């Protein structure tokens, strides 16, 4: 076998599948997650302690209002969006329960009915830009819980060009969550 040197500038970038497999196999410390953002593996913290109360309150409301066959969860699962070559581990999600009967360590983003992302100083840019673009083409409802600005924004009605509708309220004001959930979220405790 003959070895051939490859100049540093000409290395082939890893494929989406290679990055996804690497992210799955990473042994991230407790409280951290690995996601594929902008073609790179990004390790970031799960939401801070101050997010716990609103995160659990939101999960309880979504569990109560979710249609049959959907589950609301805060578990650290990775959802892949193959067409965009991205994979995210949302703070909170509502997905088809049959998704979790399969093999592997990541689920298809098409199973998602709702995603909630709690922003931090390190994730805010990705939550408001990168993830908004990807979720906006597929996920029916996207909630951005902006912990720095004390606001929650609901995006819905996805299209190939992104979400067509949005509403923002300050913490403490009610936020209408559209169908298939159809309820008014009390954000007083946020």
Protein backbone atom coordinates (compact mmCIF):
# COMPACT_ATOMS: atom_id res chain seq x y z
CA UNK A 1 0.00 0.00 0.00
CA UNK A 2 1.32 3.42 -0.94
CA UNK A 3 0.65 6.40 1.28
CA UNK A 4 0.13 9.75 -0.35
CA UNK A 5 0.37 13.03 1.53
CA UNK A 6 -2.64 15.32 1.30
CA UNK A 7 -2.00 19.05 1.55
CA UNK A 8 -3.81 20.57 4.56
CA UNK A 9 -5.90 22.97 2.48
CA UNK A 10 -7.29 20.18 0.29
CA UNK A 11 -8.73 17.85 2.93
CA UNK A 12 -12.22 16.65 2.11
CA UNK A 13 -14.75 17.98 4.62
CA UNK A 14 -16.63 15.27 6.53
CA UNK A 15 -20.06 14.28 5.23
CA UNK A 16 -23.29 14.96 7.11
CA UNK A 17 -23.58 11.27 7.99
CA UNK A 18 -20.00 11.22 9.35
CA UNK A 19 -20.66 14.30 11.48
CA UNK A 20 -23.96 12.85 12.70
CA UNK A 21 -22.31 9.58 13.69
CA UNK A 22 -19.51 11.48 15.47
CA UNK A 23 -22.01 13.65 17.38
CA UNK A 24 -23.94 10.52 18.41
CA UNK A 25 -20.80 8.83 19.71
CA UNK A 26 -19.55 11.82 21.68
CA UNK A 27 -19.48 11.38 25.43
CA UNK A 28 -20.57 14.90 26.33
CA UNK A 29 -20.42 15.87 30.00
CA UNK A 30 -23.67 15.90 31.97
CA UNK A 31 -25.65 19.02 31.14
CA UNK A 32 -24.22 19.38 27.63
CA UNK A 33 -25.46 18.42 24.16
CA UNK A 34 -23.84 18.05 20.75
CA UNK A 35 -25.69 19.41 17.70
CA UNK A 36 -24.85 19.86 14.01
CA UNK A 37 -25.06 23.58 13.30
CA UNK A 38 -23.73 25.18 10.10
CA UNK A 39 -21.87 22.01 9.16
CA UNK A 40 -20.02 21.77 12.49
CA UNK A 41 -20.45 19.82 15.69
CA UNK A 42 -21.33 22.36 18.38
CA UNK A 43 -21.34 21.41 22.06
CA UNK A 44 -23.46 23.62 24.30
CA UNK A 45 -25.15 23.51 27.70
CA UNK A 46 -28.73 22.39 28.26
CA UNK A 47 -30.90 25.21 29.58
CA UNK A 48 -29.79 26.82 32.84
CA UNK A 49 -31.47 26.17 36.20
CA UNK A 50 -33.58 29.31 35.91
CA UNK A 51 -35.20 27.75 32.83
CA UNK A 52 -36.37 24.67 34.75
CA UNK A 53 -39.66 26.04 36.05
CA UNK A 54 -40.86 27.52 32.72
CA UNK A 55 -39.57 24.47 30.83
CA UNK A 56 -41.53 22.06 33.03
CA UNK A 57 -44.65 24.29 33.02
CA UNK A 58 -44.55 24.45 29.23
CA UNK A 59 -44.08 20.69 28.98
CA UNK A 60 -47.08 20.03 31.27
CA UNK A 61 -49.30 22.36 29.20
CA UNK A 62 -48.19 20.75 25.95
CA UNK A 63 -48.75 17.24 27.34
CA UNK A 64 -52.28 18.23 28.33
CA UNK A 65 -53.13 19.80 24.95
CA UNK A 66 -51.22 17.46 22.61
CA UNK A 67 -53.33 15.34 20.27
CA UNK A 68 -53.33 11.57 20.84
CA UNK A 69 -50.17 9.88 19.63
CA UNK A 70 -47.90 12.84 20.41
CA UNK A 71 -45.61 13.12 23.42
CA UNK A 72 -44.04 16.22 24.99
CA UNK A 73 -40.51 15.68 26.22
CA UNK A 74 -37.36 17.43 27.43
CA UNK A 75 -35.07 14.43 26.98
CA UNK A 76 -31.77 14.97 25.14
CA UNK A 77 -32.66 13.47 21.77
CA UNK A 78 -31.08 14.54 18.51
CA UNK A 79 -33.41 15.19 15.55
CA UNK A 80 -31.91 15.12 12.07
CA UNK A 81 -32.90 17.32 9.16
CA UNK A 82 -31.13 15.51 6.34
CA UNK A 83 -32.10 17.91 3.53
CA UNK A 84 -30.51 20.80 5.47
CA UNK A 85 -27.68 18.59 6.79
CA UNK A 86 -28.45 19.65 10.35
CA UNK A 87 -29.25 17.84 13.61
CA UNK A 88 -30.63 19.57 16.70
CA UNK A 89 -31.31 18.61 20.30
CA UNK A 90 -34.19 20.94 21.23
CA UNK A 91 -34.79 22.09 24.81
CA UNK A 92 -38.35 20.75 24.53
CA UNK A 93 -40.26 19.00 21.78
CA UNK A 94 -43.56 17.36 20.91
CA UNK A 95 -43.21 14.41 18.54
CA UNK A 96 -45.03 11.36 17.27
CA UNK A 97 -44.56 8.66 19.91
CA UNK A 98 -43.92 5.99 17.25
CA UNK A 99 -40.62 7.80 16.51
CA UNK A 100 -39.13 6.30 19.66
CA UNK A 101 -39.77 2.70 18.64
CA UNK A 102 -36.94 2.75 16.09
CA UNK A 103 -33.27 1.93 16.38
CA UNK A 104 -30.43 4.39 16.62
CA UNK A 105 -29.72 7.48 18.65
CA UNK A 106 -31.37 10.17 16.57
CA UNK A 107 -34.87 10.71 15.19
CA UNK A 108 -36.19 12.19 11.96
CA UNK A 109 -37.19 15.86 12.23
CA UNK A 110 -40.40 15.07 10.34
CA UNK A 111 -41.76 13.49 13.54
CA UNK A 112 -41.84 16.88 15.29
CA UNK A 113 -45.08 18.81 15.81
CA UNK A 114 -43.57 21.48 18.04
CA UNK A 115 -40.12 22.57 19.16
CA UNK A 116 -39.27 24.90 22.04
CA UNK A 117 -35.82 26.43 22.39
CA UNK A 118 -34.79 28.29 25.56
CA UNK A 119 -32.14 30.80 24.55
CA UNK A 120 -28.84 31.40 26.32
CA UNK A 121 -26.07 33.82 25.43
CA UNK A 122 -24.23 31.01 23.63
CA UNK A 123 -27.23 29.60 21.70
CA UNK A 124 -29.35 32.68 21.00
CA UNK A 125 -27.95 33.32 17.52
CA UNK A 126 -28.53 29.73 16.39
CA UNK A 127 -32.03 29.62 17.94
CA UNK A 128 -33.12 32.85 16.20
CA UNK A 129 -31.43 32.29 12.84
CA UNK A 130 -30.11 28.86 11.91
CA UNK A 131 -32.81 26.81 13.67
CA UNK A 132 -35.58 29.21 12.67
CA UNK A 133 -34.67 28.69 9.00
CA UNK A 134 -34.57 24.88 9.25
CA UNK A 135 -37.58 24.40 11.53
CA UNK A 136 -39.54 26.95 9.47
CA UNK A 137 -39.67 24.60 6.50
CA UNK A 138 -40.99 21.56 8.36
CA UNK A 139 -42.00 21.87 12.04
CA UNK A 140 -45.61 23.08 12.51
CA UNK A 141 -44.91 25.18 15.64
CA UNK A 142 -41.64 26.68 16.92
CA UNK A 143 -41.39 28.47 20.26
CA UNK A 144 -38.38 30.66 21.07
CA UNK A 145 -38.29 31.35 24.78
CA UNK A 146 -35.91 34.30 24.90
CA UNK A 147 -34.53 34.30 28.44
CA UNK A 148 -32.38 37.38 27.84
CA UNK A 149 -35.24 39.59 26.56
CA UNK A 150 -38.00 37.99 28.74
CA UNK A 151 -40.17 37.25 25.69
CA UNK A 152 -41.64 34.20 24.03
CA UNK A 153 -42.26 34.02 20.28
CA UNK A 154 -44.48 31.50 18.56
CA UNK A 155 -43.85 30.75 14.88
CA UNK A 156 -46.27 28.62 12.86
CA UNK A 157 -47.43 27.78 9.36
CA UNK A 158 -44.17 26.44 7.88
CA UNK A 159 -43.39 26.77 4.17
CA UNK A 160 -40.40 26.21 1.85
CA UNK A 161 -39.48 29.85 2.58
CA UNK A 162 -39.93 29.62 6.35
CA UNK A 163 -42.73 30.39 8.78
CA UNK A 164 -45.57 32.57 7.54
CA UNK A 165 -46.88 33.64 10.97
CA UNK A 166 -45.48 34.75 14.31
CA UNK A 167 -46.57 36.29 17.59
CA UNK A 168 -44.35 37.64 20.38
CA UNK A 169 -45.40 38.43 23.96
CA UNK A 170 -43.51 39.52 27.06
CA UNK A 171 -43.31 37.05 29.93
CA UNK A 172 -46.45 37.40 32.02
CA UNK A 173 -48.80 37.81 29.03
CA UNK A 174 -50.80 34.92 27.53
CA UNK A 175 -49.57 33.43 24.24
CA UNK A 176 -51.91 31.64 21.86
CA UNK A 177 -50.44 28.30 20.75
CA UNK A 178 -51.98 27.34 17.38
CA UNK A 179 -53.44 24.02 16.26
CA UNK A 180 -52.94 21.15 16.61
CA UNK A 181 -52.60 22.31 20.24
CA UNK A 182 -55.04 25.24 20.30
CA UNK A 183 -54.66 26.80 23.75
CA UNK A 184 -53.59 29.98 25.49
CA UNK A 185 -50.27 29.56 27.32
CA UNK A 186 -49.96 31.37 30.66
CA UNK A 187 -46.41 32.77 30.78
CA UNK A 188 -46.76 34.36 34.23
CA UNK A 189 -44.23 31.95 35.81
CA UNK A 190 -41.63 32.43 33.10
